[in-house]
Amino acid sequence: MFKDLNPILHSQLRLAVVSILISVKEAEFTYLREKTDATAGNLSVQINKLKEAGYIDVTKSFKDNYPQTICKITPVGIQAFEEYVRDLQSYLNIKK
């Protein structure tokens, strides 16, 4: 009756990160930290989980001698997000 929700995306912070990346396609770590109001440590851990799942690509480089981390959603991440939204909508469309 009810589909299991994707446990990777069911985390509030990971869902927020993917939701942001769906709309902007890529974002710097600092931008994601500001938008989610997460601590750097927690955000780093959650980004790593999304990366391990194949939902985002992470590129690390330096810009003006400062580390820069860019996150970009992958096609797998887009598909997982769309499926998650559909599954969540199915909870709302149950007839009584």
PDB file of N, CA and C in Angstrom:
ATOM      1  N   MET A   1       0.830  -1.185   0.000  1.00  0.00           N
ATOM      2  CA  MET A   1       0.000   0.000   0.000  1.00  0.00           C
ATOM      3  C   MET A   1       0.880   1.257   0.000  1.00  0.00           C
ATOM      4  N   PHE A   2       1.681   1.442   1.028  1.00  0.00           N
ATOM      5  CA  PHE A   2       2.583   2.577   1.067  1.00  0.00           C
ATOM      6  C   PHE A   2       3.968   2.141   0.608  1.00  0.00           C
ATOM      7  N   LYS A   3       4.569   2.934  -0.240  1.00  0.00           N
ATOM      8  CA  LYS A   3       5.932   2.648  -0.674  1.00  0.00           C
ATOM      9  C   LYS A   3       6.901   3.132   0.392  1.00  0.00           C
ATOM     10  N   ASP A   4       7.987   2.389   0.558  1.00  0.00           N
ATOM     11  CA  ASP A   4       9.028   2.839   1.474  1.00  0.00           C
ATOM     12  C   ASP A   4       9.679   4.084   0.887  1.00  0.00           C
ATOM     13  N   LEU A   5       9.894   5.081   1.719  1.00  0.00           N
ATOM     14  CA  LEU A   5      10.566   6.300   1.276  1.00  0.00           C
ATOM     15  C   LEU A   5      12.071   6.074   1.278  1.00  0.00           C
ATOM     16  N   ASN A   6      12.744   6.644   0.304  1.00  0.00           N
ATOM     17  CA  ASN A   6      14.187   6.514   0.156  1.00  0.00           C
ATOM     18  C   ASN A   6      14.883   6.989   1.438  1.00  0.00           C
ATOM     19  N   PRO A   7      15.590   6.091   2.144  1.00  0.00           N
ATOM     20  CA  PRO A   7      16.209   6.487   3.410  1.00  0.00           C
ATOM     21  C   PRO A   7      17.321   7.521   3.255  1.00  0.00           C
ATOM     22  N   ILE A   8      17.965   7.550   2.112  1.00  0.00           N
ATOM     23  CA  ILE A   8      19.010   8.556   1.881  1.00  0.00           C
ATOM     24  C   ILE A   8      18.379   9.944   1.816  1.00  0.00           C
ATOM     25  N   LEU A   9      17.272  10.073   1.111  1.00  0.00           N
ATOM     26  CA  LEU A   9      16.636  11.380   0.943  1.00  0.00           C
ATOM     27  C   LEU A   9      15.677  11.725   2.080  1.00  0.00           C
ATOM     28  N   HIS A  10      15.354  10.761   2.918  1.00  0.00           N
ATOM     29  CA  HIS A  10      14.385  11.024   3.977  1.00  0.00           C
ATOM     30  C   HIS A  10      14.988  11.822   5.132  1.00  0.00           C
ATOM     31  N   SER A  11      16.297  11.980   5.137  1.00  0.00           N
ATOM     32  CA  SER A  11      16.949  12.845   6.117  1.00  0.00           C
ATOM     33  C   SER A  11      16.671  14.297   5.740  1.00  0.00           C
ATOM     34  N   GLN A  12      16.295  15.102   6.715  1.00  0.00           N
ATOM     35  CA  GLN A  12      15.907  16.492   6.436  1.00  0.00           C
ATOM     36  C   GLN A  12      17.031  17.275   5.751  1.00  0.00           C
ATOM     37  N   LEU A  13      18.254  17.153   6.236  1.00  0.00           N
ATOM     38  CA  LEU A  13      19.353  17.923   5.665  1.00  0.00           C
ATOM     39  C   LEU A  13      19.723  17.427   4.275  1.00  0.00           C
ATOM     40  N   ARG A  14      19.764  16.109   4.080  1.00  0.00           N
ATOM     41  CA  ARG A  14      20.095  15.581   2.739  1.00  0.00           C
ATOM     42  C   ARG A  14      19.008  15.962   1.739  1.00  0.00           C
ATOM     43  N   LEU A  15      17.747  15.916   2.165  1.00  0.00           N
ATOM     44  CA  LEU A  15      16.651  16.322   1.281  1.00  0.00           C
ATOM     45  C   LEU A  15      16.773  17.804   0.935  1.00  0.00           C
ATOM     46  N   ALA A  16      17.150  18.624   1.902  1.00  0.00           N
ATOM     47  CA  ALA A  16      17.332  20.057   1.650  1.00  0.00           C
ATOM     48  C   ALA A  16      18.447  20.296   0.639  1.00  0.00           C
ATOM     49  N   VAL A  17      19.555  19.590   0.786  1.00  0.00           N
ATOM     50  CA  VAL A  17      20.679  19.758  -0.142  1.00  0.00           C
ATOM     51  C   VAL A  17      20.266  19.375  -1.554  1.00  0.00           C
ATOM     52  N   VAL A  18      19.626  18.234  -1.698  1.00  0.00           N
ATOM     53  CA  VAL A  18      19.204  17.788  -3.031  1.00  0.00           C
ATOM     54  C   VAL A  18      18.165  18.742  -3.606  1.00  0.00           C
ATOM     55  N   SER A  19      17.257  19.228  -2.782  1.00  0.00           N
ATOM     56  CA  SER A  19      16.240  20.179  -3.256  1.00  0.00           C
ATOM     57  C   SER A  19      16.886  21.456  -3.781  1.00  0.00           C
ATOM     58  N   ILE A  20      17.902  21.921  -3.098  1.00  0.00           N
ATOM     59  CA  ILE A  20      18.619  23.115  -3.562  1.00  0.00           C
ATOM     60  C   ILE A  20      19.328  22.820  -4.884  1.00  0.00           C
ATOM     61  N   LEU A  21      20.016  21.694  -4.937  1.00  0.00           N
ATOM     62  CA  LEU A  21      20.788  21.372  -6.146  1.00  0.00           C
ATOM     63  C   LEU A  21      19.899  21.096  -7.351  1.00  0.00           C
ATOM     64  N   ILE A  22      18.681  20.640  -7.124  1.00  0.00           N
ATOM     65  CA  ILE A  22      17.731  20.442  -8.235  1.00  0.00           C
ATOM     66  C   ILE A  22      17.462  21.776  -8.912  1.00  0.00           C
ATOM     67  N   SER A  23      17.369  22.827  -8.125  1.00  0.00           N
ATOM     68  CA  SER A  23      16.994  24.125  -8.687  1.00  0.00           C
ATOM     69  C   SER A  23      18.182  24.919  -9.220  1.00  0.00           C
ATOM     70  N   VAL A  24      19.386  24.700  -8.701  1.00  0.00           N
ATOM     71  CA  VAL A  24      20.531  25.503  -9.152  1.00  0.00           C
ATOM     72  C   VAL A  24      21.547  24.695  -9.946  1.00  0.00           C
ATOM     73  N   LYS A  25      21.421  23.375  -9.961  1.00  0.00           N
ATOM     74  CA  LYS A  25      22.314  22.452 -10.669  1.00  0.00           C
ATOM     75  C   LYS A  25      23.666  22.276  -9.997  1.00  0.00           C
ATOM     76  N   GLU A  26      24.251  23.342  -9.430  1.00  0.00           N
ATOM     77  CA  GLU A  26      25.477  23.195  -8.647  1.00  0.00           C
ATOM     78  C   GLU A  26      25.576  24.347  -7.660  1.00  0.00           C
ATOM     79  N   ALA A  27      26.291  24.081  -6.562  1.00  0.00           N
ATOM     80  CA  ALA A  27      26.402  25.108  -5.526  1.00  0.00           C
ATOM     81  C   ALA A  27      27.670  24.883  -4.713  1.00  0.00           C
ATOM     82  N   GLU A  28      28.215  25.982  -4.217  1.00  0.00           N
ATOM     83  CA  GLU A  28      29.368  25.901  -3.329  1.00  0.00           C
ATOM     84  C   GLU A  28      28.920  25.446  -1.950  1.00  0.00           C
ATOM     85  N   PHE A  29      29.845  24.817  -1.238  1.00  0.00           N
ATOM     86  CA  PHE A  29      29.589  24.340   0.115  1.00  0.00           C
ATOM     87  C   PHE A  29      29.081  25.460   1.006  1.00  0.00           C
ATOM     88  N   THR A  30      29.696  26.629   0.913  1.00  0.00           N
ATOM     89  CA  THR A  30      29.299  27.751   1.773  1.00  0.00           C
ATOM     90  C   THR A  30      27.856  28.185   1.486  1.00  0.00           C
ATOM     91  N   TYR A  31      27.457  28.150   0.227  1.00  0.00           N
ATOM     92  CA  TYR A  31      26.082  28.489  -0.146  1.00  0.00           C
ATOM     93  C   TYR A  31      25.112  27.486   0.483  1.00  0.00           C
ATOM     94  N   LEU A  32      25.434  26.201   0.377  1.00  0.00           N
ATOM     95  CA  LEU A  32      24.577  25.171   0.949  1.00  0.00           C
ATOM     96  C   LEU A  32      24.501  25.310   2.470  1.00  0.00           C
ATOM     97  N   ARG A  33      25.623  25.632   3.094  1.00  0.00           N
ATOM     98  CA  ARG A  33      25.644  25.804   4.544  1.00  0.00           C
ATOM     99  C   ARG A  33      24.739  26.968   4.957  1.00  0.00           C
ATOM    100  N   GLU A  34      24.811  28.072   4.221  1.00  0.00           N
ATOM    101  CA  GLU A  34      23.969  29.233   4.523  1.00  0.00           C
ATOM    102  C   GLU A  34      22.490  28.921   4.324  1.00  0.00           C
ATOM    103  N   LYS A  35      22.159  28.265   3.228  1.00  0.00           N
ATOM    104  CA  LYS A  35      20.754  27.989   2.904  1.00  0.00           C
ATOM    105  C   LYS A  35      20.125  26.965   3.842  1.00  0.00           C
ATOM    106  N   THR A  36      20.915  26.009   4.319  1.00  0.00           N
ATOM    107  CA  THR A  36      20.371  24.954   5.177  1.00  0.00           C
ATOM    108  C   THR A  36      20.529  25.263   6.658  1.00  0.00           C
ATOM    109  N   ASP A  37      21.343  26.268   6.977  1.00  0.00           N
ATOM    110  CA  ASP A  37      21.624  26.640   8.363  1.00  0.00           C
ATOM    111  C   ASP A  37      22.233  25.468   9.135  1.00  0.00           C
ATOM    112  N   ALA A  38      22.999  24.639   8.439  1.00  0.00           N
ATOM    113  CA  ALA A  38      23.648  23.482   9.055  1.00  0.00           C
ATOM    114  C   ALA A  38      25.058  23.845   9.488  1.00  0.00           C
ATOM    115  N   THR A  39      25.584  23.075  10.407  1.00  0.00           N
ATOM    116  CA  THR A  39      26.985  23.265  10.766  1.00  0.00           C
ATOM    117  C   THR A  39      27.850  22.691   9.647  1.00  0.00           C
ATOM    118  N   ALA A  40      29.051  23.177   9.541  1.00  0.00           N
ATOM    119  CA  ALA A  40      29.955  22.701   8.485  1.00  0.00           C
ATOM    120  C   ALA A  40      30.208  21.201   8.624  1.00  0.00           C
ATOM    121  N   GLY A  41      30.390  20.740   9.852  1.00  0.00           N
ATOM    122  CA  GLY A  41      30.663  19.323  10.070  1.00  0.00           C
ATOM    123  C   GLY A  41      29.505  18.436   9.664  1.00  0.00           C
ATOM    124  N   ASN A  42      28.300  18.791  10.096  1.00  0.00           N
ATOM    125  CA  ASN A  42      27.122  17.999   9.755  1.00  0.00           C
ATOM    126  C   ASN A  42      26.871  18.022   8.247  1.00  0.00           C
ATOM    127  N   LEU A  43      26.973  19.173   7.641  1.00  0.00           N
ATOM    128  CA  LEU A  43      26.766  19.277   6.203  1.00  0.00           C
ATOM    129  C   LEU A  43      27.777  18.439   5.451  1.00  0.00           C
ATOM    130  N   SER A  44      29.014  18.464   5.886  1.00  0.00           N
ATOM    131  CA  SER A  44      30.067  17.680   5.244  1.00  0.00           C
ATOM    132  C   SER A  44      29.740  16.186   5.280  1.00  0.00           C
ATOM    133  N   VAL A  45      29.287  15.709   6.428  1.00  0.00           N
ATOM    134  CA  VAL A  45      28.926  14.291   6.569  1.00  0.00           C
ATOM    135  C   VAL A  45      27.767  13.942   5.633  1.00  0.00           C
ATOM    136  N   GLN A  46      26.753  14.790   5.580  1.00  0.00           N
ATOM    137  CA  GLN A  46      25.572  14.508   4.753  1.00  0.00           C
ATOM    138  C   GLN A  46      25.901  14.582   3.260  1.00  0.00           C
ATOM    139  N   ILE A  47      26.759  15.518   2.883  1.00  0.00           N
ATOM    140  CA  ILE A  47      27.202  15.602   1.483  1.00  0.00           C
ATOM    141  C   ILE A  47      27.950  14.341   1.099  1.00  0.00           C
ATOM    142  N   ASN A  48      28.770  13.845   2.014  1.00  0.00           N
ATOM    143  CA  ASN A  48      29.514  12.620   1.735  1.00  0.00           C
ATOM    144  C   ASN A  48      28.575  11.436   1.534  1.00  0.00           C
ATOM    145  N   LYS A  49      27.502  11.361   2.309  1.00  0.00           N
ATOM    146  CA  LYS A  49      26.517  10.279   2.143  1.00  0.00           C
ATOM    147  C   LYS A  49      25.820  10.378   0.791  1.00  0.00           C
ATOM    148  N   LEU A  50      25.492  11.595   0.379  1.00  0.00           N
ATOM    149  CA  LEU A  50      24.871  11.783  -0.937  1.00  0.00           C
ATOM    150  C   LEU A  50      25.838  11.419  -2.050  1.00  0.00           C
ATOM    151  N   LYS A  51      27.094  11.754  -1.868  1.00  0.00           N
ATOM    152  CA  LYS A  51      28.121  11.419  -2.861  1.00  0.00           C
ATOM    153  C   LYS A  51      28.281   9.907  -2.964  1.00  0.00           C
ATOM    154  N   GLU A  52      28.351   9.223  -1.816  1.00  0.00           N
ATOM    155  CA  GLU A  52      28.497   7.760  -1.807  1.00  0.00           C
ATOM    156  C   GLU A  52      27.314   7.074  -2.477  1.00  0.00           C
ATOM    157  N   ALA A  53      26.134   7.667  -2.367  1.00  0.00           N
ATOM    158  CA  ALA A  53      24.935   7.105  -2.999  1.00  0.00           C
ATOM    159  C   ALA A  53      24.903   7.392  -4.503  1.00  0.00           C
ATOM    160  N   GLY A  54      25.801   8.255  -4.975  1.00  0.00           N
ATOM    161  CA  GLY A  54      25.827   8.609  -6.396  1.00  0.00           C
ATOM    162  C   GLY A  54      24.860   9.709  -6.757  1.00  0.00           C
ATOM    163  N   TYR A  55      24.289  10.394  -5.748  1.00  0.00           N
ATOM    164  CA  TYR A  55      23.296  11.424  -6.004  1.00  0.00           C
ATOM    165  C   TYR A  55      23.907  12.776  -6.346  1.00  0.00           C
ATOM    166  N   ILE A  56      25.122  13.018  -5.887  1.00  0.00           N
ATOM    167  CA  ILE A  56      25.807  14.270  -6.213  1.00  0.00           C
ATOM    168  C   ILE A  56      27.269  13.996  -6.546  1.00  0.00           C
ATOM    169  N   ASP A  57      27.849  14.906  -7.309  1.00  0.00           N
ATOM    170  CA  ASP A  57      29.286  14.924  -7.561  1.00  0.00           C
ATOM    171  C   ASP A  57      29.870  16.060  -6.736  1.00  0.00           C
ATOM    172  N   VAL A  58      31.036  15.829  -6.182  1.00  0.00           N
ATOM    173  CA  VAL A  58      31.701  16.834  -5.362  1.00  0.00           C
ATOM    174  C   VAL A  58      33.075  17.102  -5.962  1.00  0.00           C
ATOM    175  N   THR A  59      33.342  18.370  -6.246  1.00  0.00           N
ATOM    176  CA  THR A  59      34.631  18.783  -6.794  1.00  0.00           C
ATOM    177  C   THR A  59      35.296  19.713  -5.797  1.00  0.00           C
ATOM    178  N   LYS A  60      36.514  19.361  -5.418  1.00  0.00           N
ATOM    179  CA  LYS A  60      37.261  20.188  -4.465  1.00  0.00           C
ATOM    180  C   LYS A  60      38.434  20.830  -5.191  1.00  0.00           C
ATOM    181  N   SER A  61      38.610  22.118  -4.957  1.00  0.00           N
ATOM    182  CA  SER A  61      39.698  22.864  -5.592  1.00  0.00           C
ATOM    183  C   SER A  61      40.061  24.032  -4.679  1.00  0.00           C
ATOM    184  N   PHE A  62      40.904  24.913  -5.198  1.00  0.00           N
ATOM    185  CA  PHE A  62      41.259  26.118  -4.454  1.00  0.00           C
ATOM    186  C   PHE A  62      40.902  27.333  -5.288  1.00  0.00           C
ATOM    187  N   LYS A  63      40.411  28.360  -4.625  1.00  0.00           N
ATOM    188  CA  LYS A  63      40.088  29.630  -5.265  1.00  0.00           C
ATOM    189  C   LYS A  63      40.670  30.717  -4.382  1.00  0.00           C
ATOM    190  N   ASP A  64      41.604  31.475  -4.918  1.00  0.00           N
ATOM    191  CA  ASP A  64      42.289  32.525  -4.154  1.00  0.00           C
ATOM    192  C   ASP A  64      42.878  31.973  -2.846  1.00  0.00           C
ATOM    193  N   ASN A  65      43.540  30.845  -2.944  1.00  0.00           N
ATOM    194  CA  ASN A  65      44.201  30.183  -1.810  1.00  0.00           C
ATOM    195  C   ASN A  65      43.240  29.659  -0.741  1.00  0.00           C
ATOM    196  N   TYR A  66      41.956  29.597  -1.032  1.00  0.00           N
ATOM    197  CA  TYR A  66      40.975  29.043  -0.100  1.00  0.00           C
ATOM    198  C   TYR A  66      40.362  27.790  -0.710  1.00  0.00           C
ATOM    199  N   PRO A  67      40.126  26.780   0.114  1.00  0.00           N
ATOM    200  CA  PRO A  67      39.481  25.580  -0.433  1.00  0.00           C
ATOM    201  C   PRO A  67      38.061  25.894  -0.907  1.00  0.00           C
ATOM    202  N   GLN A  68      37.701  25.263  -2.004  1.00  0.00           N
ATOM    203  CA  GLN A  68      36.359  25.463  -2.567  1.00  0.00           C
ATOM    204  C   GLN A  68      35.775  24.093  -2.895  1.00  0.00           C
ATOM    205  N   THR A  69      34.588  23.858  -2.400  1.00  0.00           N
ATOM    206  CA  THR A  69      33.889  22.603  -2.668  1.00  0.00           C
ATOM    207  C   THR A  69      32.612  22.924  -3.430  1.00  0.00           C
ATOM    208  N   ILE A  70      32.498  22.304  -4.610  1.00  0.00           N
ATOM    209  CA  ILE A  70      31.322  22.495  -5.463  1.00  0.00           C
ATOM    210  C   ILE A  70      30.548  21.180  -5.508  1.00  0.00           C
ATOM    211  N   CYS A  71      29.250  21.256  -5.261  1.00  0.00           N
ATOM    212  CA  CYS A  71      28.370  20.095  -5.315  1.00  0.00           C
ATOM    213  C   CYS A  71      27.437  20.240  -6.506  1.00  0.00           C
ATOM    214  N   LYS A  72      27.272  19.139  -7.215  1.00  0.00           N
ATOM    215  CA  LYS A  72      26.416  19.140  -8.400  1.00  0.00           C
ATOM    216  C   LYS A  72      25.571  17.869  -8.386  1.00  0.00           C
ATOM    217  N   ILE A  73      24.297  18.014  -8.671  1.00  0.00           N
ATOM    218  CA  ILE A  73      23.416  16.847  -8.686  1.00  0.00           C
ATOM    219  C   ILE A  73      23.700  15.997  -9.926  1.00  0.00           C
ATOM    220  N   THR A  74      23.582  14.693  -9.779  1.00  0.00           N
ATOM    221  CA  THR A  74      23.800  13.773 -10.894  1.00  0.00           C
ATOM    222  C   THR A  74      22.452  13.333 -11.465  1.00  0.00           C
ATOM    223  N   PRO A  75      22.454  12.732 -12.644  1.00  0.00           N
ATOM    224  CA  PRO A  75      21.198  12.184 -13.173  1.00  0.00           C
ATOM    225  C   PRO A  75      20.568  11.156 -12.224  1.00  0.00           C
ATOM    226  N   VAL A  76      21.391  10.368 -11.548  1.00  0.00           N
ATOM    227  CA  VAL A  76      20.884   9.402 -10.567  1.00  0.00           C
ATOM    228  C   VAL A  76      20.205  10.149  -9.416  1.00  0.00           C
ATOM    229  N   GLY A  77      20.797  11.258  -8.997  1.00  0.00           N
ATOM    230  CA  GLY A  77      20.216  12.062  -7.929  1.00  0.00           C
ATOM    231  C   GLY A  77      18.890  12.679  -8.331  1.00  0.00           C
ATOM    232  N   ILE A  78      18.823  13.157  -9.560  1.00  0.00           N
ATOM    233  CA  ILE A  78      17.566  13.735 -10.063  1.00  0.00           C
ATOM    234  C   ILE A  78      16.473  12.676 -10.078  1.00  0.00           C
ATOM    235  N   GLN A  79      16.815  11.490 -10.583  1.00  0.00           N
ATOM    236  CA  GLN A  79      15.838  10.400 -10.640  1.00  0.00           C
ATOM    237  C   GLN A  79      15.388   9.991  -9.230  1.00  0.00           C
ATOM    238  N   ALA A  80      16.326   9.887  -8.305  1.00  0.00           N
ATOM    239  CA  ALA A  80      15.981   9.505  -6.928  1.00  0.00           C
ATOM    240  C   ALA A  80      15.069  10.554  -6.291  1.00  0.00           C
ATOM    241  N   PHE A  81      15.357  11.828  -6.538  1.00  0.00           N
ATOM    242  CA  PHE A  81      14.536  12.901  -5.986  1.00  0.00           C
ATOM    243  C   PHE A  81      13.123  12.844  -6.562  1.00  0.00           C
ATOM    244  N   GLU A  82      13.023  12.665  -7.874  1.00  0.00           N
ATOM    245  CA  GLU A  82      11.704  12.596  -8.512  1.00  0.00           C
ATOM    246  C   GLU A  82      10.904  11.412  -7.987  1.00  0.00           C
ATOM    247  N   GLU A  83      11.560  10.258  -7.795  1.00  0.00           N
ATOM    248  CA  GLU A  83      10.879   9.084  -7.248  1.00  0.00           C
ATOM    249  C   GLU A  83      10.441   9.332  -5.804  1.00  0.00           C
ATOM    250  N   TYR A  84      11.292   9.984  -5.040  1.00  0.00           N
ATOM    251  CA  TYR A  84      10.962  10.298  -3.645  1.00  0.00           C
ATOM    252  C   TYR A  84       9.715  11.181  -3.583  1.00  0.00           C
ATOM    253  N   VAL A  85       9.673  12.196  -4.428  1.00  0.00           N
ATOM    254  CA  VAL A  85       8.522  13.102  -4.456  1.00  0.00           C
ATOM    255  C   VAL A  85       7.259  12.336  -4.851  1.00  0.00           C
ATOM    256  N   ARG A  86       7.359  11.470  -5.858  1.00  0.00           N
ATOM    257  CA  ARG A  86       6.198  10.666  -6.278  1.00  0.00           C
ATOM    258  C   ARG A  86       5.731   9.758  -5.138  1.00  0.00           C
ATOM    259  N   ASP A  87       6.696   9.108  -4.475  1.00  0.00           N
ATOM    260  CA  ASP A  87       6.340   8.215  -3.366  1.00  0.00           C
ATOM    261  C   ASP A  87       5.670   8.992  -2.240  1.00  0.00           C
ATOM    262  N   LEU A  88       6.182  10.167  -1.942  1.00  0.00           N
ATOM    263  CA  LEU A  88       5.598  10.999  -0.893  1.00  0.00           C
ATOM    264  C   LEU A  88       4.189  11.452  -1.285  1.00  0.00           C
ATOM    265  N   GLN A  89       4.010  11.788  -2.554  1.00  0.00           N
ATOM    266  CA  GLN A  89       2.686  12.199  -3.022  1.00  0.00           C
ATOM    267  C   GLN A  89       1.682  11.053  -2.913  1.00  0.00           C
ATOM    268  N   SER A  90       2.152   9.818  -3.070  1.00  0.00           N
ATOM    269  CA  SER A  90       1.242   8.689  -2.957  1.00  0.00           C
ATOM    270  C   SER A  90       0.656   8.577  -1.558  1.00  0.00           C
ATOM    271  N   TYR A  91       1.381   9.040  -0.552  1.00  0.00           N
ATOM    272  CA  TYR A  91       0.859   9.071   0.816  1.00  0.00           C
ATOM    273  C   TYR A  91      -0.296  10.063   0.925  1.00  0.00           C
ATOM    274  N   LEU A  92      -0.219  11.134   0.155  1.00  0.00           N
ATOM    275  CA  LEU A  92      -1.236  12.175   0.223  1.00  0.00           C
ATOM    276  C   LEU A  92      -2.482  11.838  -0.583  1.00  0.00           C
ATOM    277  N   ASN A  93      -2.358  10.933  -1.517  1.00  0.00           N
ATOM    278  CA  ASN A  93      -3.456  10.619  -2.423  1.00  0.00           C
ATOM    279  C   ASN A  93      -4.232   9.368  -2.038  1.00  0.00           C
ATOM    280  N   ILE A  94      -4.015   8.857  -0.832  1.00  0.00           N
ATOM    281  CA  ILE A  94      -4.740   7.659  -0.389  1.00  0.00           C
ATOM    282  C   ILE A  94      -6.199   8.033  -0.134  1.00  0.00           C
ATOM    283  N   LYS A  95      -7.064   7.259  -0.736  1.00  0.00           N
ATOM    284  CA  LYS A  95      -8.514   7.496  -0.568  1.00  0.00           C
ATOM    285  C   LYS A  95      -8.979   6.821   0.717  1.00  0.00           C
ATOM    286  N   LYS A  96      -9.825   7.498   1.440  1.00  0.00           N
ATOM    287  CA  LYS A  96     -10.337   6.946   2.707  1.00  0.00           C
ATOM    288  C   LYS A  96     -11.553   6.086   2.473  1.00  0.00           C
TER     289      LYS A  96
END
